[in-house]
């Protein structure tokens, strides 16, 4: 029984860690992209307003 548990732990932990890192690398850019895009959008809007004036 313990051998089976050890086998599962040894094989699953690296896979779970890989999946965790992959999901983090996918999710984190989405979390930080709105923060980075807000100033760009406001700059574009300001440029459009200046062009209209």
PDB file of N, CA and C in Angstrom:
ATOM      1  N   UNK A   1       0.840  -1.207   0.000  1.00  0.00           N
ATOM      2  CA  UNK A   1       0.000   0.000   0.000  1.00  0.00           C
ATOM      3  C   UNK A   1       0.873   1.254   0.000  1.00  0.00           C
ATOM      4  N   UNK A   2       1.849   1.298   0.869  1.00  0.00           N
ATOM      5  CA  UNK A   2       2.716   2.477   0.928  1.00  0.00           C
ATOM      6  C   UNK A   2       3.529   2.634  -0.352  1.00  0.00           C
ATOM      7  N   UNK A   3       3.911   1.515  -0.968  1.00  0.00           N
ATOM      8  CA  UNK A   3       4.658   1.618  -2.216  1.00  0.00           C
ATOM      9  C   UNK A   3       3.816   2.292  -3.293  1.00  0.00           C
ATOM     10  N   UNK A   4       2.545   1.944  -3.324  1.00  0.00           N
ATOM     11  CA  UNK A   4       1.656   2.551  -4.321  1.00  0.00           C
ATOM     12  C   UNK A   4       1.502   4.046  -4.047  1.00  0.00           C
ATOM     13  N   UNK A   5       1.367   4.405  -2.769  1.00  0.00           N
ATOM     14  CA  UNK A   5       1.227   5.822  -2.418  1.00  0.00           C
ATOM     15  C   UNK A   5       2.485   6.578  -2.815  1.00  0.00           C
ATOM     16  N   UNK A   6       3.639   6.008  -2.506  1.00  0.00           N
ATOM     17  CA  UNK A   6       4.894   6.667  -2.875  1.00  0.00           C
ATOM     18  C   UNK A   6       5.016   6.800  -4.385  1.00  0.00           C
ATOM     19  N   UNK A   7       4.614   5.761  -5.094  1.00  0.00           N
ATOM     20  CA  UNK A   7       4.665   5.795  -6.556  1.00  0.00           C
ATOM     21  C   UNK A   7       3.802   6.937  -7.095  1.00  0.00           C
ATOM     22  N   UNK A   8       2.570   7.050  -6.564  1.00  0.00           N
ATOM     23  CA  UNK A   8       1.686   8.113  -7.027  1.00  0.00           C
ATOM     24  C   UNK A   8       2.251   9.483  -6.673  1.00  0.00           C
ATOM     25  N   UNK A   9       2.774   9.610  -5.460  1.00  0.00           N
ATOM     26  CA  UNK A   9       3.322  10.904  -5.054  1.00  0.00           C
ATOM     27  C   UNK A   9       4.503  11.293  -5.933  1.00  0.00           C
ATOM     28  N   UNK A  10       5.402  10.341  -6.165  1.00  0.00           N
ATOM     29  CA  UNK A  10       6.592  10.646  -6.955  1.00  0.00           C
ATOM     30  C   UNK A  10       6.232  11.016  -8.384  1.00  0.00           C
ATOM     31  N   UNK A  11       5.164  10.431  -8.912  1.00  0.00           N
ATOM     32  CA  UNK A  11       4.807  10.713 -10.300  1.00  0.00           C
ATOM     33  C   UNK A  11       3.860  11.901 -10.428  1.00  0.00           C
ATOM     34  N   UNK A  12       2.994  12.091  -9.448  1.00  0.00           N
ATOM     35  CA  UNK A  12       1.988  13.143  -9.574  1.00  0.00           C
ATOM     36  C   UNK A  12       2.534  14.517  -9.198  1.00  0.00           C
ATOM     37  N   UNK A  13       3.415  14.568  -8.213  1.00  0.00           N
ATOM     38  CA  UNK A  13       3.874  15.881  -7.735  1.00  0.00           C
ATOM     39  C   UNK A  13       4.556  16.684  -8.842  1.00  0.00           C
ATOM     40  N   UNK A  14       5.488  16.109  -9.622  1.00  0.00           N
ATOM     41  CA  UNK A  14       6.081  16.911 -10.705  1.00  0.00           C
ATOM     42  C   UNK A  14       5.052  17.346 -11.741  1.00  0.00           C
ATOM     43  N   UNK A  15       4.095  16.460 -12.045  1.00  0.00           N
ATOM     44  CA  UNK A  15       3.065  16.812 -13.029  1.00  0.00           C
ATOM     45  C   UNK A  15       2.197  17.944 -12.492  1.00  0.00           C
ATOM     46  N   UNK A  16       1.792  17.829 -11.230  1.00  0.00           N
ATOM     47  CA  UNK A  16       0.974  18.887 -10.634  1.00  0.00           C
ATOM     48  C   UNK A  16       1.749  20.196 -10.582  1.00  0.00           C
ATOM     49  N   UNK A  17       3.044  20.113 -10.263  1.00  0.00           N
ATOM     50  CA  UNK A  17       3.858  21.326 -10.196  1.00  0.00           C
ATOM     51  C   UNK A  17       3.954  21.965 -11.581  1.00  0.00           C
ATOM     52  N   UNK A  18       4.138  21.132 -12.604  1.00  0.00           N
ATOM     53  CA  UNK A  18       4.191  21.655 -13.976  1.00  0.00           C
ATOM     54  C   UNK A  18       2.874  22.325 -14.346  1.00  0.00           C
ATOM     55  N   UNK A  19       1.759  21.660 -14.033  1.00  0.00           N
ATOM     56  CA  UNK A  19       0.453  22.231 -14.354  1.00  0.00           C
ATOM     57  C   UNK A  19       0.246  23.535 -13.593  1.00  0.00           C
ATOM     58  N   UNK A  20       0.669  23.571 -12.329  1.00  0.00           N
ATOM     59  CA  UNK A  20       0.526  24.773 -11.507  1.00  0.00           C
ATOM     60  C   UNK A  20       1.318  25.924 -12.114  1.00  0.00           C
ATOM     61  N   UNK A  21       2.573  25.637 -12.496  1.00  0.00           N
ATOM     62  CA  UNK A  21       3.412  26.685 -13.086  1.00  0.00           C
ATOM     63  C   UNK A  21       2.820  27.144 -14.413  1.00  0.00           C
ATOM     64  N   UNK A  22       2.305  26.190 -15.202  1.00  0.00           N
ATOM     65  CA  UNK A  22       1.751  26.547 -16.508  1.00  0.00           C
ATOM     66  C   UNK A  22       0.505  27.403 -16.348  1.00  0.00           C
ATOM     67  N   UNK A  23      -0.380  27.032 -15.405  1.00  0.00           N
ATOM     68  CA  UNK A  23      -1.592  27.831 -15.209  1.00  0.00           C
ATOM     69  C   UNK A  23      -1.227  29.218 -14.682  1.00  0.00           C
ATOM     70  N   UNK A  24      -0.219  29.283 -13.789  1.00  0.00           N
ATOM     71  CA  UNK A  24       0.214  30.589 -13.299  1.00  0.00           C
ATOM     72  C   UNK A  24       0.733  31.438 -14.449  1.00  0.00           C
ATOM     73  N   UNK A  25       1.547  30.849 -15.313  1.00  0.00           N
ATOM     74  CA  UNK A  25       2.118  31.616 -16.421  1.00  0.00           C
ATOM     75  C   UNK A  25       1.031  32.043 -17.398  1.00  0.00           C
ATOM     76  N   UNK A  26      -0.082  31.301 -17.447  1.00  0.00           N
ATOM     77  CA  UNK A  26      -1.191  31.706 -18.309  1.00  0.00           C
ATOM     78  C   UNK A  26      -2.045  32.783 -17.648  1.00  0.00           C
ATOM     79  N   UNK A  27      -2.244  32.661 -16.317  1.00  0.00           N
ATOM     80  CA  UNK A  27      -3.180  33.555 -15.628  1.00  0.00           C
ATOM     81  C   UNK A  27      -2.534  34.903 -15.310  1.00  0.00           C
ATOM     82  N   UNK A  28      -1.274  34.893 -14.884  1.00  0.00           N
ATOM     83  CA  UNK A  28      -0.634  36.128 -14.435  1.00  0.00           C
ATOM     84  C   UNK A  28      -0.611  37.217 -15.506  1.00  0.00           C
ATOM     85  N   UNK A  29      -0.286  36.909 -16.768  1.00  0.00           N
ATOM     86  CA  UNK A  29      -0.335  37.985 -17.768  1.00  0.00           C
ATOM     87  C   UNK A  29      -1.724  38.607 -17.888  1.00  0.00           C
ATOM     88  N   UNK A  30      -2.785  37.793 -17.764  1.00  0.00           N
ATOM     89  CA  UNK A  30      -4.134  38.345 -17.843  1.00  0.00           C
ATOM     90  C   UNK A  30      -4.423  39.244 -16.649  1.00  0.00           C
ATOM     91  N   UNK A  31      -3.863  38.913 -15.481  1.00  0.00           N
ATOM     92  CA  UNK A  31      -4.093  39.747 -14.300  1.00  0.00           C
ATOM     93  C   UNK A  31      -3.372  41.079 -14.430  1.00  0.00           C
ATOM     94  N   UNK A  32      -2.166  41.055 -15.006  1.00  0.00           N
ATOM     95  CA  UNK A  32      -1.364  42.275 -15.052  1.00  0.00           C
ATOM     96  C   UNK A  32      -1.604  43.092 -16.317  1.00  0.00           C
ATOM     97  N   UNK A  33      -2.166  42.487 -17.359  1.00  0.00           N
ATOM     98  CA  UNK A  33      -2.338  43.223 -18.610  1.00  0.00           C
ATOM     99  C   UNK A  33      -3.331  44.386 -18.481  1.00  0.00           C
ATOM    100  N   UNK A  34      -4.459  44.257 -17.750  1.00  0.00           N
ATOM    101  CA  UNK A  34      -5.342  45.422 -17.629  1.00  0.00           C
ATOM    102  C   UNK A  34      -4.648  46.593 -16.953  1.00  0.00           C
ATOM    103  N   UNK A  35      -3.801  46.317 -15.949  1.00  0.00           N
ATOM    104  CA  UNK A  35      -3.097  47.388 -15.245  1.00  0.00           C
ATOM    105  C   UNK A  35      -2.181  48.126 -16.219  1.00  0.00           C
ATOM    106  N   UNK A  36      -1.548  47.373 -17.126  1.00  0.00           N
ATOM    107  CA  UNK A  36      -0.636  47.999 -18.077  1.00  0.00           C
ATOM    108  C   UNK A  36      -1.392  48.683 -19.211  1.00  0.00           C
ATOM    109  N   UNK A  37      -2.587  48.183 -19.540  1.00  0.00           N
ATOM    110  CA  UNK A  37      -3.297  48.726 -20.694  1.00  0.00           C
ATOM    111  C   UNK A  37      -4.072  50.000 -20.363  1.00  0.00           C
ATOM    112  N   UNK A  38      -4.433  50.204 -19.109  1.00  0.00           N
ATOM    113  CA  UNK A  38      -5.252  51.367 -18.759  1.00  0.00           C
ATOM    114  C   UNK A  38      -4.546  52.684 -19.120  1.00  0.00           C
ATOM    115  N   UNK A  39      -3.255  52.870 -18.774  1.00  0.00           N
ATOM    116  CA  UNK A  39      -2.593  54.117 -19.165  1.00  0.00           C
ATOM    117  C   UNK A  39      -2.510  54.266 -20.685  1.00  0.00           C
ATOM    118  N   UNK A  40      -2.271  53.154 -21.403  1.00  0.00           N
ATOM    119  CA  UNK A  40      -2.193  53.227 -22.863  1.00  0.00           C
ATOM    120  C   UNK A  40      -3.517  53.701 -23.441  1.00  0.00           C
ATOM    121  N   UNK A  41      -4.624  53.155 -22.915  1.00  0.00           N
ATOM    122  CA  UNK A  41      -5.942  53.534 -23.418  1.00  0.00           C
ATOM    123  C   UNK A  41      -6.199  55.017 -23.132  1.00  0.00           C
ATOM    124  N   UNK A  42      -5.863  55.475 -21.930  1.00  0.00           N
ATOM    125  CA  UNK A  42      -6.106  56.873 -21.594  1.00  0.00           C
ATOM    126  C   UNK A  42      -5.227  57.776 -22.458  1.00  0.00           C
ATOM    127  N   UNK A  43      -3.985  57.364 -22.744  1.00  0.00           N
ATOM    128  CA  UNK A  43      -3.129  58.158 -23.621  1.00  0.00           C
ATOM    129  C   UNK A  43      -3.734  58.246 -25.013  1.00  0.00           C
ATOM    130  N   UNK A  44      -4.255  57.116 -25.508  1.00  0.00           N
ATOM    131  CA  UNK A  44      -4.875  57.126 -26.835  1.00  0.00           C
ATOM    132  C   UNK A  44      -6.095  58.046 -26.845  1.00  0.00           C
ATOM    133  N   UNK A  45      -6.892  57.985 -25.788  1.00  0.00           N
ATOM    134  CA  UNK A  45      -8.077  58.831 -25.728  1.00  0.00           C
ATOM    135  C   UNK A  45      -7.665  60.301 -25.677  1.00  0.00           C
ATOM    136  N   UNK A  46      -6.621  60.602 -24.909  1.00  0.00           N
ATOM    137  CA  UNK A  46      -6.143  61.975 -24.843  1.00  0.00           C
ATOM    138  C   UNK A  46      -5.664  62.434 -26.210  1.00  0.00           C
ATOM    139  N   UNK A  47      -4.938  61.574 -26.930  1.00  0.00           N
ATOM    140  CA  UNK A  47      -4.460  61.924 -28.268  1.00  0.00           C
ATOM    141  C   UNK A  47      -5.645  62.158 -29.200  1.00  0.00           C
ATOM    142  N   UNK A  48      -6.681  61.311 -29.089  1.00  0.00           N
ATOM    143  CA  UNK A  48      -7.865  61.491 -29.933  1.00  0.00           C
ATOM    144  C   UNK A  48      -8.551  62.810 -29.613  1.00  0.00           C
ATOM    145  N   UNK A  49      -8.660  63.128 -28.329  1.00  0.00           N
ATOM    146  CA  UNK A  49      -9.314  64.383 -27.935  1.00  0.00           C
ATOM    147  C   UNK A  49      -8.516  65.564 -28.469  1.00  0.00           C
ATOM    148  N   UNK A  50      -7.193  65.510 -28.350  1.00  0.00           N
ATOM    149  CA  UNK A  50      -6.349  66.600 -28.853  1.00  0.00           C
ATOM    150  C   UNK A  50      -6.509  66.732 -30.365  1.00  0.00           C
ATOM    151  N   UNK A  51      -6.566  65.579 -31.069  1.00  0.00           N
ATOM    152  CA  UNK A  51      -6.746  65.624 -32.522  1.00  0.00           C
ATOM    153  C   UNK A  51      -8.094  66.251 -32.869  1.00  0.00           C
ATOM    154  N   UNK A  52      -9.136  65.934 -32.090  1.00  0.00           N
ATOM    155  CA  UNK A  52     -10.460  66.477 -32.382  1.00  0.00           C
ATOM    156  C   UNK A  52     -10.489  67.979 -32.132  1.00  0.00           C
ATOM    157  N   UNK A  53      -9.790  68.443 -31.107  1.00  0.00           N
ATOM    158  CA  UNK A  53      -9.760  69.873 -30.814  1.00  0.00           C
ATOM    159  C   UNK A  53      -8.966  70.591 -31.900  1.00  0.00           C
TER     160      UNK A  53
END
